[in-house]
Amino acid sequence: MTRTRKTVGHVSFVGAGPGDPSLLTRRAFDALRSADHIVYDRDVPDALLDLVRAEAEEDTQFSPAEGGSGDVAKVLISAARSGLSAVRLVGGDPFAVEPVVKEVQAVARTNVPFEVVPGVSRAAGVSTYAGVPLSGVRVTADVDDVHTLDYEALAPAIARGSVALSVDAGDLAALRDGLMAAGVEPSTPVTVTGDGTGDTQYTATSAVDSMVAAALGFAGRIVVLIGTGVSSRDKLSWWENRPLYGWKVLVPRTKEQAGAMSERLRAYGAIPCEVPTIAVEPPRTPAQMERAIKGLVDGRYAWTIFTSVNAVRAVWEKFAEHGLDARHFGGVKIACVGQATADAVRAFGIQPELVPANDQSSDGLLAEFSPHDEILDPVGRILLPRADIATETLAAGLVEMGWEVDDVTAYRTVRAAPPPAEIRDSIKSGGFDAVLFTSSSTVRNLVGIAGKPHARTVVAVIGPKTAETAAEFGLRVDVQPPHASVPDLVEALAAYAVELREKLAAMPAKQRRGSKVQGPTALRFR
């Protein structure tokens, strides 16, 4: 009789890094994505856990690490012996945290297979984000208990270079006392960084004897760098010196539409808040779209012009309903108002023939579109699938150029539900440093569901039509890019922030305090 061997799973000890989700290694990401059970430290940032939950399998179990090292090890071993892939998610690097090392040792004493996936240690990663080079650092450690530190060994290391330590904020006074008792000069320079690698990272520079007061208000894990490396921070600080660092920016778009914009804002240091102002719904009657799709297949149109990603999506959804694909666009030329719309078309395997090079708007498209020529264009009709509230500028301009236009309602835009009360209050009270409008409808709908942004909020608009609508609602337009695109809009806002910072830096101190300029850029000078 053949005995069936029970499947044994395995345990992965995975370093989450210092906090920024983008610092997860590829190996760590793969282990988390395929895990059955993830046991995580409570101090792993929510943003990182949200990323892991979004990528993990639907039935993956998540639980916080509770109890001592032996208790956590028992949970991991039990899961593995049940045939599961168990992951122990640790802040920083697994071998830099003493209790986690004990967990690894406990698993190693069994026959359960295990691996250890390194992560960037908190002390090293946060020091780099704070702009303090590690080349002169003699000791880098994630410290679980400052009372166990060998201060007599740390003192000469600090005298010869620098020491970077990740500790709990509540242990900072004990660290100071231990260093000074070991002979470290009270005036030795120190940086203390809270929320390391996070959206609100803040670094205070002080000396050993005053570092507790400098870190007032800090909580959780902090990184303390002591010694000569601190002097480099003035020139090498980069994370906190990005143009929009700390700016809370309102993005009045749906999550699907806001993705690329929010990522660009984060790259410049901003904290985007996405608030949908419209919801997209099918047309009330499908007859128009049905005829348009049949006309595309039958060769009724010379061109299809897309003015939005939603229009592209609406047409391809109809194609899918009828079992059609990109091949049925054969012979029909495609024009797109902007790059985002063109990218949506390319995603379906079709290369647009025309995208305005400069002014990516209806006017810009009309400026580059050729008039109808009966000899060169035997088919003189254009399909224009759009929203129900689209303006008539494009259709009217094409008709003037001799084209016949089927202006078809591909989708309806309806006003979204109001955002939560706290967001509405922030919009009206100046809680947002900037708002980015990408269309006239986002202006109208945001004001309709949440009220007008406060006068101190920087208003950035994507193009002239949106600027006109903003002005109609009494909003002061501060930023408008030379080209109507999301990347140019975000870059223009970043350039404006740099300009504000330079103006404020040039002001006398008294003028700064009286300046009407608000937001993080101004507050740094106060």
Protein backbone atom coordinates (compact mmCIF):
# COMPACT_ATOMS: atom_id res chain seq x y z
CA MET A 1 0.00 0.00 0.00
CA THR A 2 1.38 3.38 -1.05
CA ARG A 3 1.27 6.02 1.64
CA THR A 4 0.29 9.52 0.45
CA ARG A 5 2.73 12.13 1.68
CA LYS A 6 1.13 15.29 2.99
CA THR A 7 2.20 18.42 1.09
CA VAL A 8 4.45 20.71 3.14
CA GLY A 9 4.39 24.39 2.46
CA HIS A 10 7.18 26.83 3.21
CA VAL A 11 7.94 30.04 5.10
CA SER A 12 9.37 33.21 3.59
CA PHE A 13 10.78 35.94 5.82
CA VAL A 14 10.40 39.03 3.67
CA GLY A 15 11.96 42.44 4.25
CA ALA A 16 9.47 45.23 3.49
CA GLY A 17 12.16 47.88 3.38
CA PRO A 18 11.96 51.25 5.13
CA GLY A 19 8.35 52.04 4.15
CA ASP A 20 8.11 53.36 0.60
CA PRO A 21 6.20 50.59 -1.29
CA SER A 22 8.34 51.13 -4.39
CA LEU A 23 11.41 49.92 -2.44
CA LEU A 24 10.09 46.35 -2.25
CA THR A 25 12.44 44.05 -4.14
CA ARG A 26 11.13 41.99 -7.06
CA ARG A 27 11.75 38.79 -5.07
CA ALA A 28 9.79 40.18 -2.10
CA PHE A 29 6.92 41.23 -4.36
CA ASP A 30 6.71 37.78 -5.97
CA ALA A 31 6.69 36.04 -2.56
CA LEU A 32 3.91 38.29 -1.28
CA ARG A 33 1.81 37.95 -4.43
CA SER A 34 1.82 34.14 -4.22
CA ALA A 35 1.39 33.86 -0.44
CA ASP A 36 -1.48 32.00 1.24
CA HIS A 37 -0.97 33.60 4.66
CA ILE A 38 0.85 36.86 5.40
CA VAL A 39 1.85 37.69 8.96
CA TYR A 40 2.90 41.34 9.10
CA ASP A 41 4.45 43.75 11.57
CA ARG A 42 2.01 46.34 12.84
CA ASP A 43 4.45 49.11 11.89
CA VAL A 44 4.46 48.15 8.20
CA PRO A 45 2.88 51.24 6.54
CA ASP A 46 -0.75 51.05 5.41
CA ALA A 47 0.23 52.15 1.88
CA LEU A 48 2.51 49.12 1.54
CA LEU A 49 -0.11 46.74 2.97
CA ASP A 50 -2.72 48.16 0.58
CA LEU A 51 -0.40 47.43 -2.35
CA VAL A 52 0.15 43.87 -1.12
CA ARG A 53 -3.58 43.28 -0.62
CA ALA A 54 -4.32 44.57 -4.12
CA GLU A 55 -1.79 42.20 -5.71
CA ALA A 56 -2.31 39.11 -3.52
CA GLU A 57 -4.72 36.28 -4.31
CA GLU A 58 -8.32 36.91 -3.27
CA ASP A 59 -8.26 34.24 -0.53
CA THR A 60 -4.91 35.23 0.97
CA GLN A 61 -5.15 35.53 4.75
CA PHE A 62 -3.64 38.56 6.51
CA SER A 63 -2.90 38.74 10.23
CA PRO A 64 -0.69 40.95 12.42
CA ALA A 65 2.27 39.43 14.24
CA GLU A 66 1.19 39.01 17.88
CA GLY A 67 2.99 37.73 20.95
CA GLY A 68 6.66 36.84 21.30
CA SER A 69 8.99 35.36 18.70
CA GLY A 70 7.97 31.82 19.69
CA ASP A 71 4.26 32.60 19.22
CA VAL A 72 4.81 34.08 15.74
CA ALA A 73 7.03 31.16 14.73
CA LYS A 74 4.31 28.68 15.77
CA VAL A 75 1.79 30.42 13.47
CA LEU A 76 4.21 30.26 10.54
CA ILE A 77 5.18 26.63 11.14
CA SER A 78 1.54 25.56 11.51
CA ALA A 79 0.61 27.24 8.22
CA ALA A 80 3.52 25.64 6.37
CA ARG A 81 2.72 22.16 7.75
CA SER A 82 -0.82 22.66 6.44
CA GLY A 83 0.64 23.00 2.96
CA LEU A 84 0.44 26.81 2.82
CA SER A 85 2.92 29.40 1.63
CA ALA A 86 3.42 31.58 4.72
CA VAL A 87 5.12 34.98 4.55
CA ARG A 88 6.45 36.88 7.53
CA LEU A 89 6.48 40.54 6.41
CA VAL A 90 9.01 42.56 8.38
CA GLY A 91 9.77 46.30 8.33
CA GLY A 92 13.32 46.91 7.07
CA ASP A 93 15.48 43.78 6.73
CA PRO A 94 14.59 40.49 8.50
CA PHE A 95 18.09 39.89 9.89
CA ALA A 96 18.31 43.47 11.21
CA VAL A 97 15.52 42.82 13.75
CA GLU A 98 16.51 40.60 16.71
CA PRO A 99 13.01 39.13 17.45
CA VAL A 100 12.66 38.15 13.78
CA VAL A 101 16.08 36.45 13.84
CA LYS A 102 14.73 34.34 16.74
CA GLU A 103 11.67 33.47 14.61
CA VAL A 104 13.95 32.31 11.79
CA GLN A 105 15.96 30.21 14.25
CA ALA A 106 12.75 28.59 15.54
CA VAL A 107 11.66 27.64 12.00
CA ALA A 108 15.17 26.42 11.17
CA ARG A 109 14.97 23.87 14.03
CA THR A 110 12.06 22.15 12.21
CA ASN A 111 11.91 20.40 8.86
CA VAL A 112 9.86 23.24 7.31
CA PRO A 113 11.58 24.79 4.25
CA PHE A 114 12.24 28.51 4.60
CA GLU A 115 13.93 31.42 2.88
CA VAL A 116 14.94 34.92 3.89
CA VAL A 117 14.34 37.71 1.37
CA PRO A 118 16.46 40.79 2.21
CA GLY A 119 15.03 44.27 2.40
CA VAL A 120 16.58 47.71 2.62
CA SER A 121 17.15 48.37 6.32
CA ARG A 122 15.29 51.30 7.88
CA ALA A 123 18.48 52.98 9.08
CA ALA A 124 20.17 52.80 5.67
CA GLY A 125 17.12 53.56 3.53
CA VAL A 126 15.84 56.52 5.55
CA SER A 127 19.33 58.04 5.82
CA THR A 128 19.54 58.02 2.02
CA TYR A 129 16.07 59.57 1.68
CA ALA A 130 17.11 62.23 4.19
CA GLY A 131 20.12 63.14 2.05
CA VAL A 132 22.78 61.87 4.44
CA PRO A 133 25.37 59.70 2.63
CA LEU A 134 26.34 56.42 4.27
CA SER A 135 29.95 56.45 3.00
CA GLY A 136 31.25 57.71 6.35
CA VAL A 137 28.87 55.68 8.50
CA ARG A 138 30.60 53.23 10.81
CA VAL A 139 27.49 51.57 12.27
CA THR A 140 24.00 51.08 10.74
CA ALA A 141 21.43 49.25 12.83
CA ASP A 142 17.70 48.78 13.35
CA VAL A 143 17.54 48.76 17.16
CA ASP A 144 14.81 46.87 19.00
CA ASP A 145 15.91 47.96 22.50
CA VAL A 146 18.22 50.98 22.98
CA HIS A 147 19.07 49.80 26.50
CA THR A 148 21.03 46.88 25.04
CA LEU A 149 23.26 49.08 22.85
CA ASP A 150 27.01 49.04 23.47
CA TYR A 151 27.41 52.79 23.93
CA GLU A 152 31.10 52.46 24.76
CA ALA A 153 31.64 51.04 21.26
CA LEU A 154 29.35 53.58 19.58
CA ALA A 155 31.18 56.62 20.99
CA PRO A 156 34.47 56.08 19.10
CA ALA A 157 32.54 55.15 15.93
CA ILE A 158 30.78 58.50 16.11
CA ALA A 159 34.10 60.29 16.73
CA ARG A 160 35.58 58.72 13.57
CA GLY A 161 32.50 59.07 11.31
CA SER A 162 28.77 58.56 11.78
CA VAL A 163 26.24 56.13 13.22
CA ALA A 164 22.73 55.54 11.80
CA LEU A 165 20.17 53.96 14.14
CA SER A 166 16.50 53.10 13.69
CA VAL A 167 14.74 53.33 17.08
CA ASP A 168 11.30 53.91 18.55
CA ALA A 169 10.52 57.61 19.04
CA GLY A 170 9.77 56.95 22.72
CA ASP A 171 13.34 55.67 23.24
CA LEU A 172 15.04 58.83 22.00
CA ALA A 173 15.68 60.25 25.50
CA ALA A 174 17.28 56.99 26.63
CA LEU A 175 19.47 56.99 23.49
CA ARG A 176 20.58 60.57 24.20
CA ASP A 177 21.43 59.76 27.81
CA GLY A 178 23.36 56.62 26.84
CA LEU A 179 25.42 58.47 24.22
CA MET A 180 26.31 61.36 26.53
CA ALA A 181 27.17 59.00 29.40
CA ALA A 182 29.59 57.23 27.03
CA GLY A 183 31.39 60.51 26.31
CA VAL A 184 29.78 61.64 23.05
CA GLU A 185 30.05 65.42 22.82
CA PRO A 186 26.66 67.10 23.45
CA SER A 187 27.23 69.37 20.41
CA THR A 188 27.72 66.45 18.00
CA PRO A 189 25.38 67.07 15.00
CA VAL A 190 22.31 64.87 14.64
CA THR A 191 19.46 64.40 12.18
CA VAL A 192 16.19 62.83 13.31
CA THR A 193 13.80 61.62 10.59
CA GLY A 194 10.17 60.67 11.14
CA ASP A 195 7.87 58.84 8.68
CA GLY A 196 11.01 57.82 6.80
CA THR A 197 10.50 57.41 3.02
CA GLY A 198 6.81 58.30 3.50
CA ASP A 199 4.67 61.08 2.07
CA THR A 200 5.18 63.19 5.19
CA GLN A 201 8.82 62.41 5.96
CA TYR A 202 10.35 65.22 7.98
CA THR A 203 13.97 65.59 9.09
CA ALA A 204 15.03 67.79 12.00
CA THR A 205 18.67 68.78 12.44
CA SER A 206 20.01 69.39 15.94
CA ALA A 207 22.71 68.20 18.35
CA VAL A 208 22.87 65.19 20.67
CA ASP A 209 21.80 67.18 23.74
CA SER A 210 18.78 68.76 21.98
CA MET A 211 17.58 65.93 19.74
CA VAL A 212 14.62 65.01 21.94
CA ALA A 213 13.16 68.52 21.66
CA ALA A 214 13.89 68.55 17.88
CA ALA A 215 11.85 65.35 17.43
CA LEU A 216 8.84 66.59 19.43
CA GLY A 217 5.70 65.12 17.88
CA PHE A 218 7.46 62.25 16.12
CA ALA A 219 5.92 58.80 16.63
CA GLY A 220 6.67 55.21 15.67
CA ARG A 221 10.03 54.28 14.19
CA ILE A 222 12.46 57.12 13.61
CA VAL A 223 16.00 57.18 12.22
CA VAL A 224 18.76 59.02 14.06
CA LEU A 225 22.03 59.79 12.27
CA ILE A 226 24.82 61.07 14.50
CA GLY A 227 28.17 62.45 13.38
CA THR A 228 29.98 64.03 10.47
CA GLY A 229 27.60 62.84 7.70
CA VAL A 230 24.95 65.31 8.90
CA SER A 231 26.83 68.22 7.30
CA SER A 232 26.13 66.82 3.80
CA ARG A 233 22.37 67.11 4.19
CA ASP A 234 22.17 70.77 3.15
CA LYS A 235 23.33 69.89 -0.37
CA LEU A 236 22.16 66.28 -0.75
CA SER A 237 18.63 66.36 0.68
CA TRP A 238 16.38 65.34 -2.22
CA TRP A 239 13.21 63.56 -0.99
CA GLU A 240 11.96 66.50 1.07
CA ASN A 241 13.17 69.04 -1.52
CA ARG A 242 11.05 67.81 -4.44
CA PRO A 243 8.98 70.68 -5.93
CA LEU A 244 5.59 69.61 -4.57
CA TYR A 245 6.78 67.88 -1.41
CA GLY A 246 4.02 67.88 1.20
CA TRP A 247 1.45 69.53 -1.10
CA LYS A 248 -1.99 68.04 -0.73
CA VAL A 249 -3.39 68.08 -4.27
CA LEU A 250 -7.03 67.52 -5.18
CA VAL A 251 -7.52 65.41 -8.31
CA PRO A 252 -11.20 65.60 -9.33
CA ARG A 253 -11.24 62.45 -11.47
CA THR A 254 -12.25 58.82 -11.09
CA LYS A 255 -9.60 56.40 -9.79
CA GLU A 256 -9.25 54.82 -13.26
CA GLN A 257 -8.69 58.20 -14.91
CA ALA A 258 -6.53 59.64 -12.13
CA GLY A 259 -3.91 56.88 -12.01
CA ALA A 260 -1.28 58.42 -14.30
CA MET A 261 -1.81 61.92 -12.91
CA SER A 262 -1.52 60.76 -9.30
CA GLU A 263 1.68 58.84 -10.03
CA ARG A 264 3.26 61.93 -11.60
CA LEU A 265 2.19 64.05 -8.65
CA ARG A 266 3.73 61.56 -6.22
CA ALA A 267 6.98 61.63 -8.19
CA TYR A 268 7.14 65.38 -7.51
CA GLY A 269 6.41 64.79 -3.81
CA ALA A 270 2.70 65.66 -3.70
CA ILE A 271 -0.01 63.76 -1.83
CA PRO A 272 -2.87 63.32 -4.34
CA CYS A 273 -6.47 62.97 -3.19
CA GLU A 274 -8.72 61.52 -5.89
CA VAL A 275 -12.34 62.70 -5.83
CA PRO A 276 -14.61 61.45 -8.64
CA THR A 277 -16.83 64.25 -9.95
CA ILE A 278 -18.53 62.35 -12.76
CA ALA A 279 -19.81 58.85 -13.33
CA VAL A 280 -19.90 57.35 -16.81
CA GLU A 281 -23.08 55.58 -17.92
CA PRO A 282 -24.27 54.08 -21.23
CA PRO A 283 -26.54 56.14 -23.53
CA ARG A 284 -30.22 56.06 -22.66
CA THR A 285 -30.96 54.45 -26.02
CA PRO A 286 -28.36 52.24 -27.75
CA ALA A 287 -29.71 52.71 -31.30
CA GLN A 288 -27.23 55.46 -32.29
CA MET A 289 -24.20 53.44 -31.21
CA GLU A 290 -25.54 50.29 -32.85
CA ARG A 291 -25.85 52.11 -36.19
CA ALA A 292 -22.38 53.63 -35.76
CA ILE A 293 -20.75 50.23 -35.16
CA LYS A 294 -22.53 48.78 -38.21
CA GLY A 295 -21.35 51.79 -40.24
CA LEU A 296 -17.74 51.20 -39.19
CA VAL A 297 -17.89 47.61 -40.37
CA ASP A 298 -19.69 48.52 -43.61
CA GLY A 299 -17.18 51.22 -44.62
CA ARG A 300 -19.52 54.17 -44.03
CA TYR A 301 -16.80 56.31 -42.43
CA ALA A 302 -13.49 57.72 -43.63
CA TRP A 303 -12.45 58.79 -40.12
CA THR A 304 -13.30 58.11 -36.49
CA ILE A 305 -12.31 60.91 -34.13
CA PHE A 306 -11.89 60.12 -30.44
CA THR A 307 -11.95 62.99 -27.95
CA SER A 308 -11.61 60.97 -24.71
CA VAL A 309 -10.52 57.65 -23.26
CA ASN A 310 -14.14 57.01 -22.27
CA ALA A 311 -15.19 57.26 -25.93
CA VAL A 312 -12.54 54.70 -26.91
CA ARG A 313 -13.73 52.38 -24.17
CA ALA A 314 -17.38 52.77 -25.19
CA VAL A 315 -16.67 51.83 -28.83
CA TRP A 316 -14.56 48.82 -27.90
CA GLU A 317 -17.18 47.58 -25.46
CA LYS A 318 -19.69 47.64 -28.33
CA PHE A 319 -17.18 45.83 -30.54
CA ALA A 320 -16.83 43.12 -27.89
CA GLU A 321 -20.61 42.73 -27.65
CA HIS A 322 -20.73 41.94 -31.37
CA GLY A 323 -17.62 39.75 -31.43
CA LEU A 324 -15.61 42.34 -33.39
CA ASP A 325 -11.96 43.31 -32.96
CA ALA A 326 -9.38 45.81 -34.31
CA ARG A 327 -9.42 44.19 -37.76
CA HIS A 328 -12.89 45.63 -38.34
CA PHE A 329 -11.38 49.12 -38.25
CA GLY A 330 -9.56 48.32 -41.49
CA GLY A 331 -9.74 51.27 -43.89
CA VAL A 332 -10.97 53.74 -41.25
CA LYS A 333 -8.49 56.39 -40.19
CA ILE A 334 -8.37 57.43 -36.54
CA ALA A 335 -7.66 60.85 -35.03
CA CYS A 336 -7.29 61.55 -31.31
CA VAL A 337 -7.44 64.88 -29.50
CA GLY A 338 -4.61 64.03 -27.06
CA GLN A 339 -1.92 61.53 -26.14
CA ALA A 340 -3.89 59.82 -23.38
CA THR A 341 -6.70 59.07 -25.84
CA ALA A 342 -4.17 57.94 -28.44
CA ASP A 343 -2.59 55.58 -25.90
CA ALA A 344 -6.01 54.05 -25.22
CA VAL A 345 -6.42 53.43 -28.97
CA ARG A 346 -2.93 51.91 -29.23
CA ALA A 347 -3.80 49.56 -26.36
CA PHE A 348 -6.27 47.91 -28.75
CA GLY A 349 -3.59 47.41 -31.39
CA ILE A 350 -4.33 50.39 -33.64
CA GLN A 351 -2.02 53.29 -34.43
CA PRO A 352 -3.85 56.64 -34.81
CA GLU A 353 -3.16 58.58 -38.01
CA LEU A 354 -3.47 61.99 -36.39
CA VAL A 355 -2.73 63.39 -32.92
CA PRO A 356 -2.20 67.17 -32.65
CA ALA A 357 1.48 67.92 -32.10
CA ASN A 358 1.00 71.12 -30.13
CA ASP A 359 -2.46 72.23 -29.02
CA GLN A 360 -4.08 68.97 -27.91
CA SER A 361 -7.66 70.18 -27.95
CA SER A 362 -10.58 70.36 -30.37
CA ASP A 363 -9.16 73.59 -31.81
CA GLY A 364 -5.73 72.00 -32.16
CA LEU A 365 -7.17 69.00 -33.98
CA LEU A 366 -9.15 71.22 -36.35
CA ALA A 367 -6.01 73.23 -37.12
CA GLU A 368 -4.25 70.07 -38.34
CA PHE A 369 -7.22 68.29 -39.94
CA SER A 370 -7.50 68.42 -43.74
CA PRO A 371 -10.63 69.76 -45.44
CA HIS A 372 -12.74 67.26 -47.35
CA ASP A 373 -11.58 66.64 -50.92
CA GLU A 374 -14.07 64.78 -53.12
CA ILE A 375 -11.28 63.20 -55.20
CA LEU A 376 -8.93 62.21 -52.35
CA ASP A 377 -11.76 61.41 -49.94
CA PRO A 378 -14.46 59.43 -51.76
CA VAL A 379 -16.03 58.65 -48.39
CA GLY A 380 -16.85 61.99 -46.83
CA ARG A 381 -18.31 61.02 -43.46
CA ILE A 382 -16.73 61.10 -39.98
CA LEU A 383 -17.82 59.21 -36.86
CA LEU A 384 -17.53 61.33 -33.72
CA PRO A 385 -18.42 59.20 -30.64
CA ARG A 386 -18.56 61.48 -27.60
CA ALA A 387 -20.15 62.33 -24.28
CA ASP A 388 -23.69 63.64 -24.20
CA ILE A 389 -22.45 67.01 -22.85
CA ALA A 390 -19.63 67.55 -25.35
CA THR A 391 -19.33 71.01 -26.91
CA GLU A 392 -20.19 71.60 -30.59
CA THR A 393 -16.85 73.20 -31.52
CA LEU A 394 -15.31 70.13 -33.15
CA ALA A 395 -18.39 68.94 -35.04
CA ALA A 396 -19.14 72.44 -36.34
CA GLY A 397 -15.56 72.95 -37.47
CA LEU A 398 -15.52 69.66 -39.39
CA VAL A 399 -18.78 70.54 -41.14
CA GLU A 400 -17.30 73.89 -42.21
CA MET A 401 -14.42 71.93 -43.74
CA GLY A 402 -16.86 70.01 -45.93
CA TRP A 403 -17.19 66.80 -43.92
CA GLU A 404 -20.42 65.07 -42.94
CA VAL A 405 -20.37 64.24 -39.23
CA ASP A 406 -22.25 61.58 -37.29
CA ASP A 407 -22.06 63.11 -33.80
CA VAL A 408 -23.01 60.07 -31.71
CA THR A 409 -23.59 59.88 -27.95
CA ALA A 410 -21.26 57.05 -26.91
CA TYR A 411 -21.71 57.56 -23.18
CA ARG A 412 -23.39 59.85 -20.67
CA THR A 413 -21.63 61.72 -17.91
CA VAL A 414 -23.61 62.22 -14.74
CA ARG A 415 -22.60 64.07 -11.62
CA ALA A 416 -21.01 61.82 -9.00
CA ALA A 417 -22.18 61.61 -5.40
CA PRO A 418 -20.68 64.23 -3.07
CA PRO A 419 -17.39 63.24 -1.38
CA PRO A 420 -17.25 62.67 2.41
CA ALA A 421 -17.87 65.69 4.64
CA GLU A 422 -14.23 66.00 5.69
CA ILE A 423 -13.12 66.34 2.06
CA ARG A 424 -15.85 68.91 1.32
CA ASP A 425 -14.72 70.90 4.35
CA SER A 426 -11.08 70.74 3.23
CA ILE A 427 -11.99 71.96 -0.26
CA LYS A 428 -13.88 74.97 1.06
CA SER A 429 -11.53 75.82 3.93
CA GLY A 430 -8.21 75.67 2.06
CA GLY A 431 -7.14 72.21 3.23
CA PHE A 432 -5.86 71.46 -0.28
CA ASP A 433 -2.78 73.25 -1.56
CA ALA A 434 -3.75 72.80 -5.21
CA VAL A 435 -6.51 71.45 -7.45
CA LEU A 436 -5.99 70.14 -10.99
CA PHE A 437 -8.85 70.52 -13.48
CA THR A 438 -8.65 68.49 -16.69
CA SER A 439 -11.93 69.58 -18.30
CA SER A 440 -14.76 72.07 -17.99
CA SER A 441 -17.02 69.34 -16.63
CA THR A 442 -14.65 68.63 -13.73
CA VAL A 443 -14.89 72.31 -12.74
CA ARG A 444 -18.69 72.37 -12.91
CA ASN A 445 -19.17 69.07 -11.16
CA LEU A 446 -16.65 69.66 -8.37
CA VAL A 447 -18.27 72.98 -7.51
CA GLY A 448 -21.68 71.30 -7.74
CA ILE A 449 -20.94 68.40 -5.39
CA ALA A 450 -18.40 69.93 -3.00
CA GLY A 451 -18.33 73.73 -3.38
CA LYS A 452 -15.68 76.17 -4.63
CA PRO A 453 -12.04 75.63 -3.68
CA HIS A 454 -10.76 78.20 -1.18
CA ALA A 455 -9.02 81.30 -2.54
CA ARG A 456 -5.65 80.14 -1.15
CA THR A 457 -5.80 76.91 -3.18
CA VAL A 458 -3.65 76.98 -6.32
CA VAL A 459 -5.86 76.30 -9.36
CA ALA A 460 -4.25 74.50 -12.31
CA VAL A 461 -6.18 73.88 -15.55
CA ILE A 462 -5.31 71.77 -18.56
CA GLY A 463 -6.28 74.24 -21.31
CA PRO A 464 -8.06 77.46 -22.33
CA LYS A 465 -11.62 76.04 -22.36
CA THR A 466 -11.19 74.73 -18.83
CA ALA A 467 -9.68 78.09 -17.80
CA GLU A 468 -12.77 79.90 -19.15
CA THR A 469 -15.09 77.66 -17.16
CA ALA A 470 -13.02 78.13 -13.99
CA ALA A 471 -13.23 81.91 -14.45
CA GLU A 472 -17.02 81.67 -14.90
CA PHE A 473 -17.17 80.13 -11.42
CA GLY A 474 -15.03 82.89 -9.95
CA LEU A 475 -11.86 80.82 -9.64
CA ARG A 476 -8.44 82.42 -10.09
CA VAL A 477 -6.39 80.35 -12.56
CA ASP A 478 -2.75 80.17 -11.43
CA VAL A 479 -1.34 77.48 -13.74
CA GLN A 480 -2.00 76.52 -17.37
CA PRO A 481 0.54 74.46 -19.35
CA PRO A 482 1.57 75.41 -22.89
CA HIS A 483 0.28 72.03 -24.13
CA ALA A 484 -2.97 70.43 -22.99
CA SER A 485 -1.83 67.12 -21.52
CA VAL A 486 -1.73 65.55 -18.06
CA PRO A 487 2.11 65.33 -17.93
CA ASP A 488 2.43 68.99 -18.96
CA LEU A 489 -0.20 70.02 -16.40
CA VAL A 490 1.62 68.32 -13.51
CA GLU A 491 4.98 69.65 -14.67
CA ALA A 492 3.57 73.19 -14.88
CA LEU A 493 2.30 72.91 -11.30
CA ALA A 494 5.71 71.70 -10.14
CA ALA A 495 7.41 74.62 -11.92
CA TYR A 496 4.95 77.02 -10.28
CA ALA A 497 5.82 75.60 -6.85
CA VAL A 498 9.53 76.11 -7.52
CA GLU A 499 8.80 79.69 -8.58
CA LEU A 500 6.86 80.31 -5.36
CA ARG A 501 9.68 78.86 -3.28
CA GLU A 502 12.25 81.10 -4.96
CA LYS A 503 10.07 84.20 -4.47
CA LEU A 504 9.52 83.41 -0.82
CA ALA A 505 13.20 82.73 -0.24
CA ALA A 506 14.03 86.16 -1.67
CA MET A 507 11.53 87.93 0.61
CA PRO A 508 12.58 89.54 3.89
CA ALA A 509 11.34 87.57 6.90
CA LYS A 510 8.64 90.14 7.74
CA GLN A 511 7.21 89.98 4.23
CA ARG A 512 7.12 86.17 4.31
CA ARG A 513 4.95 86.27 7.41
CA GLY A 514 2.59 88.70 5.72
CA SER A 515 2.58 86.91 2.38
CA LYS A 516 -0.72 85.59 1.05
CA VAL A 517 1.05 82.57 -0.41
CA GLN A 518 -0.04 79.48 1.49
CA GLY A 519 0.77 75.80 1.50
CA PRO A 520 3.90 73.78 2.32
CA THR A 521 6.17 75.97 0.18
CA ALA A 522 5.34 79.04 2.28
CA LEU A 523 5.29 77.23 5.61
CA ARG A 524 8.86 76.03 5.22
CA PHE A 525 10.01 79.65 5.39
CA ARG A 526 7.99 80.60 8.47
